[in-house]
């Protein structure tokens, strides 16, 4: 889990990650669900790019399927 957190926090645009769940969906593939926190000013297009960048990084962690829910950070509070 720590490697997943590290990969997320190294991804430009992500300020936090929580509710992380990882499981095997077959003998060769893993899945992940998580909530990622991004800044308030982030556009939808930028948010999609951030998710794509993290999904690419997660492939290096042997996670082939990732479902990421976006949360917006507003005034140091996550929503």
C-alpha atoms as a PDB file:
ATOM      1  CA  UNK A   1       0.000   0.000   0.000  1.00  0.00           C
ATOM      2  CA  UNK A   2       2.841   2.389   0.760  1.00  0.00           C
ATOM      3  CA  UNK A   3       4.171   2.107  -2.798  1.00  0.00           C
ATOM      4  CA  UNK A   4       0.715   2.982  -4.119  1.00  0.00           C
ATOM      5  CA  UNK A   5       0.560   6.038  -1.843  1.00  0.00           C
ATOM      6  CA  UNK A   6       4.055   7.086  -2.895  1.00  0.00           C
ATOM      7  CA  UNK A   7       3.184   6.753  -6.586  1.00  0.00           C
ATOM      8  CA  UNK A   8       0.031   8.825  -6.086  1.00  0.00           C
ATOM      9  CA  UNK A   9       1.729  11.584  -4.133  1.00  0.00           C
ATOM     10  CA  UNK A  10       4.525  11.806  -6.730  1.00  0.00           C
ATOM     11  CA  UNK A  11       1.918  12.358  -9.446  1.00  0.00           C
ATOM     12  CA  UNK A  12       1.636  16.048 -10.317  1.00  0.00           C
ATOM     13  CA  UNK A  13      -1.752  17.413  -9.265  1.00  0.00           C
ATOM     14  CA  UNK A  14      -2.529  14.877  -6.529  1.00  0.00           C
ATOM     15  CA  UNK A  15      -2.402  16.198  -2.957  1.00  0.00           C
ATOM     16  CA  UNK A  16      -3.724  13.112  -1.162  1.00  0.00           C
ATOM     17  CA  UNK A  17      -5.088   9.593  -1.498  1.00  0.00           C
ATOM     18  CA  UNK A  18      -7.268   7.475   0.791  1.00  0.00           C
ATOM     19  CA  UNK A  19      -9.827   4.633   0.810  1.00  0.00           C
ATOM     20  CA  UNK A  20      -7.332   2.469  -1.060  1.00  0.00           C
ATOM     21  CA  UNK A  21      -8.393  -1.091  -1.845  1.00  0.00           C
ATOM     22  CA  UNK A  22      -6.292  -3.527  -3.898  1.00  0.00           C
ATOM     23  CA  UNK A  23      -7.226  -7.083  -4.818  1.00  0.00           C
ATOM     24  CA  UNK A  24      -6.417  -9.812  -7.333  1.00  0.00           C
ATOM     25  CA  UNK A  25      -8.965 -10.253 -10.119  1.00  0.00           C
ATOM     26  CA  UNK A  26      -7.089 -13.187 -11.639  1.00  0.00           C
ATOM     27  CA  UNK A  27      -3.809 -14.979 -11.182  1.00  0.00           C
ATOM     28  CA  UNK A  28      -2.050 -12.323 -13.283  1.00  0.00           C
ATOM     29  CA  UNK A  29      -4.062  -9.115 -12.816  1.00  0.00           C
ATOM     30  CA  UNK A  30      -4.760  -6.807  -9.891  1.00  0.00           C
ATOM     31  CA  UNK A  31      -7.331  -4.073  -9.374  1.00  0.00           C
ATOM     32  CA  UNK A  32      -7.474  -0.945  -7.248  1.00  0.00           C
ATOM     33  CA  UNK A  33     -10.075   1.548  -6.100  1.00  0.00           C
ATOM     34  CA  UNK A  34      -9.114   4.775  -4.344  1.00  0.00           C
ATOM     35  CA  UNK A  35     -10.111   8.375  -3.712  1.00  0.00           C
ATOM     36  CA  UNK A  36      -7.591  10.933  -4.926  1.00  0.00           C
ATOM     37  CA  UNK A  37      -7.579  14.555  -3.797  1.00  0.00           C
ATOM     38  CA  UNK A  38      -6.814  17.330  -6.276  1.00  0.00           C
ATOM     39  CA  UNK A  39      -6.768  21.119  -6.029  1.00  0.00           C
ATOM     40  CA  UNK A  40      -9.931  23.188  -6.428  1.00  0.00           C
ATOM     41  CA  UNK A  41      -8.756  25.015  -9.567  1.00  0.00           C
ATOM     42  CA  UNK A  42      -8.165  21.805 -11.552  1.00  0.00           C
ATOM     43  CA  UNK A  43     -10.211  21.588 -14.763  1.00  0.00           C
ATOM     44  CA  UNK A  44     -12.022  18.420 -15.801  1.00  0.00           C
ATOM     45  CA  UNK A  45      -9.508  17.932 -18.609  1.00  0.00           C
ATOM     46  CA  UNK A  46      -6.593  18.273 -16.175  1.00  0.00           C
ATOM     47  CA  UNK A  47      -8.285  15.887 -13.715  1.00  0.00           C
ATOM     48  CA  UNK A  48      -8.623  13.246 -16.442  1.00  0.00           C
ATOM     49  CA  UNK A  49      -4.941  13.670 -17.307  1.00  0.00           C
ATOM     50  CA  UNK A  50      -3.972  13.327 -13.633  1.00  0.00           C
ATOM     51  CA  UNK A  51      -5.972  10.100 -13.384  1.00  0.00           C
ATOM     52  CA  UNK A  52      -4.347   8.778 -16.566  1.00  0.00           C
ATOM     53  CA  UNK A  53      -0.874   9.586 -15.259  1.00  0.00           C
ATOM     54  CA  UNK A  54      -1.555   7.786 -11.988  1.00  0.00           C
ATOM     55  CA  UNK A  55      -3.034   4.764 -13.766  1.00  0.00           C
ATOM     56  CA  UNK A  56       0.157   4.566 -15.838  1.00  0.00           C
ATOM     57  CA  UNK A  57       2.280   4.666 -12.675  1.00  0.00           C
ATOM     58  CA  UNK A  58       0.101   1.992 -11.054  1.00  0.00           C
ATOM     59  CA  UNK A  59       0.809  -0.351 -13.959  1.00  0.00           C
ATOM     60  CA  UNK A  60       4.432  -0.294 -12.764  1.00  0.00           C
ATOM     61  CA  UNK A  61       3.084  -1.520  -9.392  1.00  0.00           C
ATOM     62  CA  UNK A  62       1.401  -4.488 -11.163  1.00  0.00           C
ATOM     63  CA  UNK A  63      -2.074  -2.909 -10.931  1.00  0.00           C
ATOM     64  CA  UNK A  64      -3.751  -3.264 -14.306  1.00  0.00           C
ATOM     65  CA  UNK A  65      -7.254  -1.978 -13.464  1.00  0.00           C
ATOM     66  CA  UNK A  66      -7.771   1.182 -11.394  1.00  0.00           C
ATOM     67  CA  UNK A  67     -10.969   3.019 -10.530  1.00  0.00           C
ATOM     68  CA  UNK A  68     -10.161   6.447  -9.113  1.00  0.00           C
ATOM     69  CA  UNK A  69     -12.695   8.770  -7.511  1.00  0.00           C
ATOM     70  CA  UNK A  70     -11.761  12.437  -7.511  1.00  0.00           C
ATOM     71  CA  UNK A  71     -12.240  14.670  -4.493  1.00  0.00           C
ATOM     72  CA  UNK A  72     -11.603  18.405  -4.597  1.00  0.00           C
ATOM     73  CA  UNK A  73      -9.465  20.138  -1.975  1.00  0.00           C
ATOM     74  CA  UNK A  74     -11.016  23.500  -1.075  1.00  0.00           C
ATOM     75  CA  UNK A  75      -9.327  25.852   1.425  1.00  0.00           C
ATOM     76  CA  UNK A  76      -7.318  23.022   3.021  1.00  0.00           C
ATOM     77  CA  UNK A  77     -10.455  20.873   3.395  1.00  0.00           C
ATOM     78  CA  UNK A  78     -11.272  17.903   1.242  1.00  0.00           C
ATOM     79  CA  UNK A  79     -14.822  17.449   0.057  1.00  0.00           C
END
